[in-house]
Amino acid sequence: MKEYLNTNFSDIVYGENGFLVELRCNNTFQVQLFGKIKAYLLENQPAWKAAGAIPIPDAVAIFNLIDQLAGGNRFWGEETGRQAEDALFELQEIIGSLEESPECE
C-alpha cells in the first residue's frame, strides 16, 4: 500500500496516468487510483489536522479533484457518474473531518 508514496500526490490525481486523466479523457473511474487517493488523504489527515493546514501542492490537487468530480460529465455512463458522485461525498467527508473538534467526535 505504500508503493504510491514515492509518487507525488498530484501525479496520482492529475499526472499523465492520473485519476482525472482516466476520468476525463477515457470516461473511466479507476477504483484503484481513487483508493490510493483516499489512502493518502486518510494517512495525512492527522498531521494536517494537527498543523491546521494542508500543504499547498496537496491542497491544489484536492481542489482540482473535487472540482472535476463535482462538475460531472455528460459523456460519463451511469455507473461512472454514480462512482464520481460517491467519491465526491467521500472526499467531502474526509476534508470536513479536518475541522471537527475532539468533543464532536
PDB file of N, CA and C in Angstrom:
ATOM      1  N   MET A   1       0.819  -1.186   0.000  1.00  0.00           N
ATOM      2  CA  MET A   1       0.000   0.000   0.000  1.00  0.00           C
ATOM      3  C   MET A   1       0.867   1.255   0.000  1.00  0.00           C
ATOM      4  N   LYS A   2       2.096   1.183   0.410  1.00  0.00           N
ATOM      5  CA  LYS A   2       2.970   2.340   0.477  1.00  0.00           C
ATOM      6  C   LYS A   2       3.675   2.635  -0.839  1.00  0.00           C
ATOM      7  N   GLU A   3       3.511   1.804  -1.863  1.00  0.00           N
ATOM      8  CA  GLU A   3       4.263   1.994  -3.100  1.00  0.00           C
ATOM      9  C   GLU A   3       3.973   3.332  -3.766  1.00  0.00           C
ATOM     10  N   TYR A   4       2.789   3.880  -3.581  1.00  0.00           N
ATOM     11  CA  TYR A   4       2.437   5.138  -4.208  1.00  0.00           C
ATOM     12  C   TYR A   4       3.050   6.333  -3.499  1.00  0.00           C
ATOM     13  N   LEU A   5       3.610   6.145  -2.304  1.00  0.00           N
ATOM     14  CA  LEU A   5       4.181   7.267  -1.573  1.00  0.00           C
ATOM     15  C   LEU A   5       5.428   7.808  -2.249  1.00  0.00           C
ATOM     16  N   ASN A   6       6.038   7.030  -3.129  1.00  0.00           N
ATOM     17  CA  ASN A   6       7.172   7.517  -3.895  1.00  0.00           C
ATOM     18  C   ASN A   6       6.708   8.391  -5.051  1.00  0.00           C
ATOM     19  N   THR A   7       5.424   8.409  -5.296  1.00  0.00           N
ATOM     20  CA  THR A   7       4.832   9.208  -6.358  1.00  0.00           C
ATOM     21  C   THR A   7       4.233  10.459  -5.729  1.00  0.00           C
ATOM     22  N   ASN A   8       4.373  11.571  -6.386  1.00  0.00           N
ATOM     23  CA  ASN A   8       3.794  12.823  -5.944  1.00  0.00           C
ATOM     24  C   ASN A   8       2.268  12.685  -5.937  1.00  0.00           C
ATOM     25  N   PHE A   9       1.609  13.195  -4.892  1.00  0.00           N
ATOM     26  CA  PHE A   9       0.156  13.097  -4.800  1.00  0.00           C
ATOM     27  C   PHE A   9      -0.526  13.711  -6.021  1.00  0.00           C
ATOM     28  N   SER A  10      -0.029  14.850  -6.476  1.00  0.00           N
ATOM     29  CA  SER A  10      -0.647  15.485  -7.644  1.00  0.00           C
ATOM     30  C   SER A  10      -0.528  14.612  -8.887  1.00  0.00           C
ATOM     31  N   ASP A  11       0.533  13.803  -8.981  1.00  0.00           N
ATOM     32  CA  ASP A  11       0.659  12.876 -10.113  1.00  0.00           C
ATOM     33  C   ASP A  11      -0.430  11.809 -10.068  1.00  0.00           C
ATOM     34  N   ILE A  12      -0.762  11.347  -8.879  1.00  0.00           N
ATOM     35  CA  ILE A  12      -1.830  10.359  -8.730  1.00  0.00           C
ATOM     36  C   ILE A  12      -3.160  10.977  -9.165  1.00  0.00           C
ATOM     37  N   VAL A  13      -3.355  12.237  -8.830  1.00  0.00           N
ATOM     38  CA  VAL A  13      -4.613  12.910  -9.136  1.00  0.00           C
ATOM     39  C   VAL A  13      -4.700  13.299 -10.609  1.00  0.00           C
ATOM     40  N   TYR A  14      -3.693  14.059 -11.112  1.00  0.00           N
ATOM     41  CA  TYR A  14      -3.820  14.547 -12.489  1.00  0.00           C
ATOM     42  C   TYR A  14      -2.545  14.449 -13.313  1.00  0.00           C
ATOM     43  N   GLY A  15      -1.675  13.521 -12.945  1.00  0.00           N
ATOM     44  CA  GLY A  15      -0.487  13.261 -13.753  1.00  0.00           C
ATOM     45  C   GLY A  15      -0.856  12.557 -15.050  1.00  0.00           C
ATOM     46  N   GLU A  16       0.141  12.232 -15.830  1.00  0.00           N
ATOM     47  CA  GLU A  16      -0.064  11.628 -17.156  1.00  0.00           C
ATOM     48  C   GLU A  16      -0.986  10.408 -17.123  1.00  0.00           C
ATOM     49  N   ASN A  17      -0.835   9.569 -16.121  1.00  0.00           N
ATOM     50  CA  ASN A  17      -1.705   8.395 -15.965  1.00  0.00           C
ATOM     51  C   ASN A  17      -2.564   8.524 -14.718  1.00  0.00           C
ATOM     52  N   GLY A  18      -2.846   9.750 -14.330  1.00  0.00           N
ATOM     53  CA  GLY A  18      -3.565  10.012 -13.095  1.00  0.00           C
ATOM     54  C   GLY A  18      -5.058   9.756 -13.174  1.00  0.00           C
ATOM     55  N   PHE A  19      -5.668   9.830 -12.013  1.00  0.00           N
ATOM     56  CA  PHE A  19      -7.088   9.562 -11.858  1.00  0.00           C
ATOM     57  C   PHE A  19      -7.946  10.458 -12.755  1.00  0.00           C
ATOM     58  N   LEU A  20      -7.666  11.768 -12.743  1.00  0.00           N
ATOM     59  CA  LEU A  20      -8.502  12.681 -13.531  1.00  0.00           C
ATOM     60  C   LEU A  20      -8.304  12.518 -15.027  1.00  0.00           C
ATOM     61  N   VAL A  21      -7.118  12.129 -15.456  1.00  0.00           N
ATOM     62  CA  VAL A  21      -6.886  11.882 -16.886  1.00  0.00           C
ATOM     63  C   VAL A  21      -7.753  10.716 -17.338  1.00  0.00           C
ATOM     64  N   GLU A  22      -7.752   9.654 -16.553  1.00  0.00           N
ATOM     65  CA  GLU A  22      -8.586   8.491 -16.881  1.00  0.00           C
ATOM     66  C   GLU A  22     -10.068   8.857 -16.875  1.00  0.00           C
ATOM     67  N   LEU A  23     -10.456   9.645 -15.888  1.00  0.00           N
ATOM     68  CA  LEU A  23     -11.863  10.009 -15.757  1.00  0.00           C
ATOM     69  C   LEU A  23     -12.317  10.927 -16.890  1.00  0.00           C
ATOM     70  N   ARG A  24     -11.542  11.957 -17.174  1.00  0.00           N
ATOM     71  CA  ARG A  24     -11.947  12.953 -18.161  1.00  0.00           C
ATOM     72  C   ARG A  24     -11.688  12.522 -19.601  1.00  0.00           C
ATOM     73  N   CYS A  25     -10.571  11.880 -19.844  1.00  0.00           N
ATOM     74  CA  CYS A  25     -10.220  11.520 -21.230  1.00  0.00           C
ATOM     75  C   CYS A  25     -10.793  10.177 -21.656  1.00  0.00           C
ATOM     76  N   ASN A  26     -10.867   9.250 -20.715  1.00  0.00           N
ATOM     77  CA  ASN A  26     -11.322   7.898 -21.052  1.00  0.00           C
ATOM     78  C   ASN A  26     -12.680   7.562 -20.458  1.00  0.00           C
ATOM     79  N   ASN A  27     -13.272   8.534 -19.737  1.00  0.00           N
ATOM     80  CA  ASN A  27     -14.573   8.318 -19.092  1.00  0.00           C
ATOM     81  C   ASN A  27     -14.574   7.067 -18.229  1.00  0.00           C
ATOM     82  N   THR A  28     -13.443   6.836 -17.545  1.00  0.00           N
ATOM     83  CA  THR A  28     -13.273   5.642 -16.727  1.00  0.00           C
ATOM     84  C   THR A  28     -12.943   6.035 -15.296  1.00  0.00           C
ATOM     85  N   PHE A  29     -13.705   5.508 -14.355  1.00  0.00           N
ATOM     86  CA  PHE A  29     -13.427   5.728 -12.939  1.00  0.00           C
ATOM     87  C   PHE A  29     -12.490   4.620 -12.482  1.00  0.00           C
ATOM     88  N   GLN A  30     -11.247   4.976 -12.199  1.00  0.00           N
ATOM     89  CA  GLN A  30     -10.242   3.996 -11.786  1.00  0.00           C
ATOM     90  C   GLN A  30     -10.324   3.792 -10.272  1.00  0.00           C
ATOM     91  N   VAL A  31     -10.966   2.717  -9.868  1.00  0.00           N
ATOM     92  CA  VAL A  31     -11.181   2.424  -8.454  1.00  0.00           C
ATOM     93  C   VAL A  31      -9.854   2.319  -7.708  1.00  0.00           C
ATOM     94  N   GLN A  32      -8.864   1.673  -8.313  1.00  0.00           N
ATOM     95  CA  GLN A  32      -7.569   1.504  -7.658  1.00  0.00           C
ATOM     96  C   GLN A  32      -6.894   2.861  -7.418  1.00  0.00           C
ATOM     97  N   LEU A  33      -6.917   3.742  -8.406  1.00  0.00           N
ATOM     98  CA  LEU A  33      -6.317   5.067  -8.228  1.00  0.00           C
ATOM     99  C   LEU A  33      -7.070   5.881  -7.185  1.00  0.00           C
ATOM    100  N   PHE A  34      -8.393   5.789  -7.188  1.00  0.00           N
ATOM    101  CA  PHE A  34      -9.147   6.521  -6.166  1.00  0.00           C
ATOM    102  C   PHE A  34      -8.839   5.960  -4.784  1.00  0.00           C
ATOM    103  N   GLY A  35      -8.631   4.659  -4.691  1.00  0.00           N
ATOM    104  CA  GLY A  35      -8.229   4.054  -3.422  1.00  0.00           C
ATOM    105  C   GLY A  35      -6.900   4.615  -2.931  1.00  0.00           C
ATOM    106  N   LYS A  36      -5.966   4.840  -3.842  1.00  0.00           N
ATOM    107  CA  LYS A  36      -4.671   5.436  -3.483  1.00  0.00           C
ATOM    108  C   LYS A  36      -4.860   6.876  -3.007  1.00  0.00           C
ATOM    109  N   ILE A  37      -5.748   7.591  -3.656  1.00  0.00           N
ATOM    110  CA  ILE A  37      -6.037   8.969  -3.260  1.00  0.00           C
ATOM    111  C   ILE A  37      -6.610   8.988  -1.847  1.00  0.00           C
ATOM    112  N   LYS A  38      -7.608   8.163  -1.599  1.00  0.00           N
ATOM    113  CA  LYS A  38      -8.216   8.101  -0.269  1.00  0.00           C
ATOM    114  C   LYS A  38      -7.202   7.691   0.787  1.00  0.00           C
ATOM    115  N   ALA A  39      -6.381   6.697   0.478  1.00  0.00           N
ATOM    116  CA  ALA A  39      -5.372   6.238   1.436  1.00  0.00           C
ATOM    117  C   ALA A  39      -4.404   7.367   1.780  1.00  0.00           C
ATOM    118  N   TYR A  40      -3.981   8.119   0.781  1.00  0.00           N
ATOM    119  CA  TYR A  40      -3.068   9.244   1.004  1.00  0.00           C
ATOM    120  C   TYR A  40      -3.724  10.290   1.906  1.00  0.00           C
ATOM    121  N   LEU A  41      -4.969  10.635   1.605  1.00  0.00           N
ATOM    122  CA  LEU A  41      -5.674  11.637   2.402  1.00  0.00           C
ATOM    123  C   LEU A  41      -5.858  11.174   3.842  1.00  0.00           C
ATOM    124  N   LEU A  42      -6.279   9.939   4.013  1.00  0.00           N
ATOM    125  CA  LEU A  42      -6.502   9.420   5.364  1.00  0.00           C
ATOM    126  C   LEU A  42      -5.202   9.301   6.146  1.00  0.00           C
ATOM    127  N   GLU A  43      -4.128   8.949   5.462  1.00  0.00           N
ATOM    128  CA  GLU A  43      -2.832   8.833   6.126  1.00  0.00           C
ATOM    129  C   GLU A  43      -2.313  10.197   6.579  1.00  0.00           C
ATOM    130  N   ASN A  44      -2.561  11.222   5.794  1.00  0.00           N
ATOM    131  CA  ASN A  44      -2.051  12.557   6.108  1.00  0.00           C
ATOM    132  C   ASN A  44      -3.013  13.403   6.928  1.00  0.00           C
ATOM    133  N   GLN A  45      -4.238  12.966   7.038  1.00  0.00           N
ATOM    134  CA  GLN A  45      -5.267  13.712   7.750  1.00  0.00           C
ATOM    135  C   GLN A  45      -4.860  14.100   9.179  1.00  0.00           C
ATOM    136  N   PRO A  46      -4.315  13.192   9.998  1.00  0.00           N
ATOM    137  CA  PRO A  46      -3.940  13.591  11.366  1.00  0.00           C
ATOM    138  C   PRO A  46      -2.879  14.701  11.403  1.00  0.00           C
ATOM    139  N   ALA A  47      -1.886  14.616  10.538  1.00  0.00           N
ATOM    140  CA  ALA A  47      -0.833  15.646  10.511  1.00  0.00           C
ATOM    141  C   ALA A  47      -1.404  16.984  10.053  1.00  0.00           C
ATOM    142  N   TRP A  48      -2.263  16.951   9.045  1.00  0.00           N
ATOM    143  CA  TRP A  48      -2.871  18.187   8.556  1.00  0.00           C
ATOM    144  C   TRP A  48      -3.745  18.822   9.639  1.00  0.00           C
ATOM    145  N   LYS A  49      -4.492  17.977  10.340  1.00  0.00           N
ATOM    146  CA  LYS A  49      -5.364  18.479  11.397  1.00  0.00           C
ATOM    147  C   LYS A  49      -4.531  19.098  12.509  1.00  0.00           C
ATOM    148  N   ALA A  50      -3.454  18.424  12.899  1.00  0.00           N
ATOM    149  CA  ALA A  50      -2.581  18.937  13.956  1.00  0.00           C
ATOM    150  C   ALA A  50      -1.919  20.250  13.544  1.00  0.00           C
ATOM    151  N   ALA A  51      -1.523  20.346  12.289  1.00  0.00           N
ATOM    152  CA  ALA A  51      -0.856  21.552  11.789  1.00  0.00           C
ATOM    153  C   ALA A  51      -1.847  22.678  11.502  1.00  0.00           C
ATOM    154  N   GLY A  52      -3.098  22.320  11.336  1.00  0.00           N
ATOM    155  CA  GLY A  52      -4.102  23.317  10.983  1.00  0.00           C
ATOM    156  C   GLY A  52      -4.003  23.775   9.541  1.00  0.00           C
ATOM    157  N   ALA A  53      -3.325  22.957   8.711  1.00  0.00           N
ATOM    158  CA  ALA A  53      -3.129  23.342   7.310  1.00  0.00           C
ATOM    159  C   ALA A  53      -2.817  22.122   6.459  1.00  0.00           C
ATOM    160  N   ILE A  54      -3.147  22.234   5.188  1.00  0.00           N
ATOM    161  CA  ILE A  54      -2.796  21.232   4.180  1.00  0.00           C
ATOM    162  C   ILE A  54      -1.718  21.864   3.315  1.00  0.00           C
ATOM    163  N   PRO A  55      -0.621  21.160   3.030  1.00  0.00           N
ATOM    164  CA  PRO A  55       0.407  21.732   2.153  1.00  0.00           C
ATOM    165  C   PRO A  55      -0.199  22.171   0.816  1.00  0.00           C
ATOM    166  N   ILE A  56       0.284  23.279   0.300  1.00  0.00           N
ATOM    167  CA  ILE A  56      -0.288  23.870  -0.915  1.00  0.00           C
ATOM    168  C   ILE A  56      -0.363  22.885  -2.083  1.00  0.00           C
ATOM    169  N   PRO A  57       0.692  22.127  -2.406  1.00  0.00           N
ATOM    170  CA  PRO A  57       0.565  21.197  -3.546  1.00  0.00           C
ATOM    171  C   PRO A  57      -0.555  20.169  -3.352  1.00  0.00           C
ATOM    172  N   ASP A  58      -0.708  19.674  -2.121  1.00  0.00           N
ATOM    173  CA  ASP A  58      -1.786  18.720  -1.853  1.00  0.00           C
ATOM    174  C   ASP A  58      -3.143  19.408  -1.927  1.00  0.00           C
ATOM    175  N   ALA A  59      -3.231  20.626  -1.390  1.00  0.00           N
ATOM    176  CA  ALA A  59      -4.496  21.362  -1.421  1.00  0.00           C
ATOM    177  C   ALA A  59      -4.935  21.635  -2.857  1.00  0.00           C
ATOM    178  N   VAL A  60      -4.007  22.031  -3.706  1.00  0.00           N
ATOM    179  CA  VAL A  60      -4.344  22.301  -5.111  1.00  0.00           C
ATOM    180  C   VAL A  60      -4.862  21.033  -5.787  1.00  0.00           C
ATOM    181  N   ALA A  61      -4.206  19.904  -5.537  1.00  0.00           N
ATOM    182  CA  ALA A  61      -4.656  18.635  -6.121  1.00  0.00           C
ATOM    183  C   ALA A  61      -6.050  18.275  -5.613  1.00  0.00           C
ATOM    184  N   ILE A  62      -6.293  18.489  -4.325  1.00  0.00           N
ATOM    185  CA  ILE A  62      -7.608  18.198  -3.744  1.00  0.00           C
ATOM    186  C   ILE A  62      -8.669  19.104  -4.364  1.00  0.00           C
ATOM    187  N   PHE A  63      -8.368  20.395  -4.498  1.00  0.00           N
ATOM    188  CA  PHE A  63      -9.331  21.327  -5.099  1.00  0.00           C
ATOM    189  C   PHE A  63      -9.668  20.914  -6.527  1.00  0.00           C
ATOM    190  N   ASN A  64      -8.655  20.569  -7.296  1.00  0.00           N
ATOM    191  CA  ASN A  64      -8.893  20.129  -8.679  1.00  0.00           C
ATOM    192  C   ASN A  64      -9.728  18.859  -8.724  1.00  0.00           C
ATOM    193  N   LEU A  65      -9.440  17.938  -7.844  1.00  0.00           N
ATOM    194  CA  LEU A  65     -10.171  16.679  -7.789  1.00  0.00           C
ATOM    195  C   LEU A  65     -11.642  16.922  -7.468  1.00  0.00           C
ATOM    196  N   ILE A  66     -11.901  17.703  -6.432  1.00  0.00           N
ATOM    197  CA  ILE A  66     -13.279  17.994  -6.049  1.00  0.00           C
ATOM    198  C   ILE A  66     -14.003  18.738  -7.170  1.00  0.00           C
ATOM    199  N   ASP A  67     -13.330  19.709  -7.767  1.00  0.00           N
ATOM    200  CA  ASP A  67     -13.925  20.476  -8.860  1.00  0.00           C
ATOM    201  C   ASP A  67     -14.334  19.572 -10.021  1.00  0.00           C
ATOM    202  N   GLN A  68     -13.461  18.689 -10.417  1.00  0.00           N
ATOM    203  CA  GLN A  68     -13.741  17.809 -11.558  1.00  0.00           C
ATOM    204  C   GLN A  68     -14.832  16.791 -11.235  1.00  0.00           C
ATOM    205  N   LEU A  69     -14.822  16.258 -10.018  1.00  0.00           N
ATOM    206  CA  LEU A  69     -15.859  15.298  -9.638  1.00  0.00           C
ATOM    207  C   LEU A  69     -17.215  15.982  -9.519  1.00  0.00           C
ATOM    208  N   ALA A  70     -17.231  17.188  -8.973  1.00  0.00           N
ATOM    209  CA  ALA A  70     -18.490  17.910  -8.791  1.00  0.00           C
ATOM    210  C   ALA A  70     -19.058  18.380 -10.125  1.00  0.00           C
ATOM    211  N   GLY A  71     -18.177  18.662 -11.087  1.00  0.00           N
ATOM    212  CA  GLY A  71     -18.625  19.156 -12.383  1.00  0.00           C
ATOM    213  C   GLY A  71     -19.338  18.117 -13.215  1.00  0.00           C
ATOM    214  N   GLY A  72     -19.049  16.861 -12.945  1.00  0.00           N
ATOM    215  CA  GLY A  72     -19.675  15.806 -13.731  1.00  0.00           C
ATOM    216  C   GLY A  72     -19.273  15.871 -15.193  1.00  0.00           C
ATOM    217  N   ASN A  73     -19.854  15.007 -15.975  1.00  0.00           N
ATOM    218  CA  ASN A  73     -19.552  14.977 -17.400  1.00  0.00           C
ATOM    219  C   ASN A  73     -20.708  14.303 -18.106  1.00  0.00           C
ATOM    220  N   ARG A  74     -21.221  14.946 -19.110  1.00  0.00           N
ATOM    221  CA  ARG A  74     -22.377  14.380 -19.825  1.00  0.00           C
ATOM    222  C   ARG A  74     -22.020  13.131 -20.611  1.00  0.00           C
ATOM    223  N   PHE A  75     -20.714  12.869 -20.776  1.00  0.00           N
ATOM    224  CA  PHE A  75     -20.287  11.685 -21.516  1.00  0.00           C
ATOM    225  C   PHE A  75     -20.096  10.465 -20.620  1.00  0.00           C
ATOM    226  N   TRP A  76     -20.100  10.675 -19.300  1.00  0.00           N
ATOM    227  CA  TRP A  76     -19.940   9.544 -18.395  1.00  0.00           C
ATOM    228  C   TRP A  76     -21.174   8.655 -18.469  1.00  0.00           C
ATOM    229  N   GLY A  77     -20.929   7.366 -18.357  1.00  0.00           N
ATOM    230  CA  GLY A  77     -22.040   6.434 -18.245  1.00  0.00           C
ATOM    231  C   GLY A  77     -22.650   6.550 -16.857  1.00  0.00           C
ATOM    232  N   GLU A  78     -23.767   5.906 -16.668  1.00  0.00           N
ATOM    233  CA  GLU A  78     -24.467   5.968 -15.385  1.00  0.00           C
ATOM    234  C   GLU A  78     -23.585   5.472 -14.238  1.00  0.00           C
ATOM    235  N   GLU A  79     -22.885   4.373 -14.454  1.00  0.00           N
ATOM    236  CA  GLU A  79     -22.029   3.800 -13.410  1.00  0.00           C
ATOM    237  C   GLU A  79     -20.883   4.742 -13.049  1.00  0.00           C
ATOM    238  N   THR A  80     -20.229   5.310 -14.048  1.00  0.00           N
ATOM    239  CA  THR A  80     -19.123   6.240 -13.791  1.00  0.00           C
ATOM    240  C   THR A  80     -19.629   7.477 -13.063  1.00  0.00           C
ATOM    241  N   GLY A  81     -20.769   7.981 -13.455  1.00  0.00           N
ATOM    242  CA  GLY A  81     -21.361   9.136 -12.786  1.00  0.00           C
ATOM    243  C   GLY A  81     -21.672   8.849 -11.331  1.00  0.00           C
ATOM    244  N   ARG A  82     -22.198   7.664 -11.067  1.00  0.00           N
ATOM    245  CA  ARG A  82     -22.504   7.276  -9.689  1.00  0.00           C
ATOM    246  C   ARG A  82     -21.226   7.149  -8.873  1.00  0.00           C
ATOM    247  N   GLN A  83     -20.197   6.525  -9.466  1.00  0.00           N
ATOM    248  CA  GLN A  83     -18.919   6.376  -8.769  1.00  0.00           C
ATOM    249  C   GLN A  83     -18.304   7.741  -8.462  1.00  0.00           C
ATOM    250  N   ALA A  84     -18.383   8.662  -9.405  1.00  0.00           N
ATOM    251  CA  ALA A  84     -17.832  10.005  -9.195  1.00  0.00           C
ATOM    252  C   ALA A  84     -18.583  10.728  -8.082  1.00  0.00           C
ATOM    253  N   GLU A  85     -19.890  10.597  -8.071  1.00  0.00           N
ATOM    254  CA  GLU A  85     -20.693  11.232  -7.026  1.00  0.00           C
ATOM    255  C   GLU A  85     -20.364  10.649  -5.657  1.00  0.00           C
ATOM    256  N   ASP A  86     -20.261   9.331  -5.570  1.00  0.00           N
ATOM    257  CA  ASP A  86     -19.895   8.683  -4.308  1.00  0.00           C
ATOM    258  C   ASP A  86     -18.503   9.116  -3.852  1.00  0.00           C
ATOM    259  N   ALA A  87     -17.569   9.207  -4.804  1.00  0.00           N
ATOM    260  CA  ALA A  87     -16.200   9.624  -4.486  1.00  0.00           C
ATOM    261  C   ALA A  87     -16.191  11.049  -3.945  1.00  0.00           C
ATOM    262  N   LEU A  88     -16.984  11.912  -4.538  1.00  0.00           N
ATOM    263  CA  LEU A  88     -17.064  13.295  -4.083  1.00  0.00           C
ATOM    264  C   LEU A  88     -17.542  13.353  -2.636  1.00  0.00           C
ATOM    265  N   PHE A  89     -18.565  12.587  -2.306  1.00  0.00           N
ATOM    266  CA  PHE A  89     -19.065  12.568  -0.933  1.00  0.00           C
ATOM    267  C   PHE A  89     -18.002  12.050   0.034  1.00  0.00           C
ATOM    268  N   GLU A  90     -17.251  11.032  -0.383  1.00  0.00           N
ATOM    269  CA  GLU A  90     -16.179  10.507   0.465  1.00  0.00           C
ATOM    270  C   GLU A  90     -15.103  11.558   0.703  1.00  0.00           C
ATOM    271  N   LEU A  91     -14.718  12.272  -0.342  1.00  0.00           N
ATOM    272  CA  LEU A  91     -13.707  13.327  -0.199  1.00  0.00           C
ATOM    273  C   LEU A  91     -14.205  14.441   0.711  1.00  0.00           C
ATOM    274  N   GLN A  92     -15.448  14.834   0.541  1.00  0.00           N
ATOM    275  CA  GLN A  92     -16.011  15.887   1.383  1.00  0.00           C
ATOM    276  C   GLN A  92     -16.026  15.465   2.848  1.00  0.00           C
ATOM    277  N   GLU A  93     -16.298  14.202   3.096  1.00  0.00           N
ATOM    278  CA  GLU A  93     -16.300  13.695   4.465  1.00  0.00           C
ATOM    279  C   GLU A  93     -14.891  13.739   5.066  1.00  0.00           C
ATOM    280  N   ILE A  94     -13.904  13.315   4.293  1.00  0.00           N
ATOM    281  CA  ILE A  94     -12.518  13.323   4.771  1.00  0.00           C
ATOM    282  C   ILE A  94     -12.066  14.751   5.051  1.00  0.00           C
ATOM    283  N   ILE A  95     -12.293  15.650   4.118  1.00  0.00           N
ATOM    284  CA  ILE A  95     -11.875  17.044   4.280  1.00  0.00           C
ATOM    285  C   ILE A  95     -12.669  17.716   5.399  1.00  0.00           C
ATOM    286  N   GLY A  96     -13.955  17.446   5.468  1.00  0.00           N
ATOM    287  CA  GLY A  96     -14.790  18.025   6.522  1.00  0.00           C
ATOM    288  C   GLY A  96     -14.361  17.612   7.910  1.00  0.00           C
ATOM    289  N   SER A  97     -13.810  16.416   8.038  1.00  0.00           N
ATOM    290  CA  SER A  97     -13.379  15.938   9.356  1.00  0.00           C
ATOM    291  C   SER A  97     -12.175  16.715   9.880  1.00  0.00           C
ATOM    292  N   LEU A  98     -11.495  17.452   9.015  1.00  0.00           N
ATOM    293  CA  LEU A  98     -10.346  18.246   9.458  1.00  0.00           C
ATOM    294  C   LEU A  98     -10.759  19.370  10.400  1.00  0.00           C
ATOM    295  N   GLU A  99     -11.991  19.844  10.287  1.00  0.00           N
ATOM    296  CA  GLU A  99     -12.416  20.945  11.144  1.00  0.00           C
ATOM    297  C   GLU A  99     -13.224  20.489  12.352  1.00  0.00           C
ATOM    298  N   GLU A 100     -13.448  19.187  12.481  1.00  0.00           N
ATOM    299  CA  GLU A 100     -14.183  18.680  13.633  1.00  0.00           C
ATOM    300  C   GLU A 100     -13.328  18.810  14.879  1.00  0.00           C
ATOM    301  N   SER A 101     -13.951  19.273  15.945  1.00  0.00           N
ATOM    302  CA  SER A 101     -13.228  19.362  17.210  1.00  0.00           C
ATOM    303  C   SER A 101     -13.334  18.026  17.929  1.00  0.00           C
ATOM    304  N   PRO A 102     -12.388  17.717  18.818  1.00  0.00           N
ATOM    305  CA  PRO A 102     -12.398  16.415  19.507  1.00  0.00           C
ATOM    306  C   PRO A 102     -13.696  16.138  20.248  1.00  0.00           C
ATOM    307  N   GLU A 103     -14.334  17.166  20.819  1.00  0.00           N
ATOM    308  CA  GLU A 103     -15.567  16.925  21.560  1.00  0.00           C
ATOM    309  C   GLU A 103     -16.735  16.560  20.656  1.00  0.00           C
ATOM    310  N   CYS A 104     -16.601  16.795  19.351  1.00  0.00           N
ATOM    311  CA  CYS A 104     -17.660  16.434  18.402  1.00  0.00           C
ATOM    312  C   CYS A 104     -17.486  15.025  17.858  1.00  0.00           C
ATOM    313  N   GLU A 105     -16.354  14.423  18.087  1.00  0.00           N
ATOM    314  CA  GLU A 105     -16.070  13.104  17.511  1.00  0.00           C
ATOM    315  C   GLU A 105     -16.641  11.996  18.353  1.00  0.00           C
TER     316      GLU A 105
END
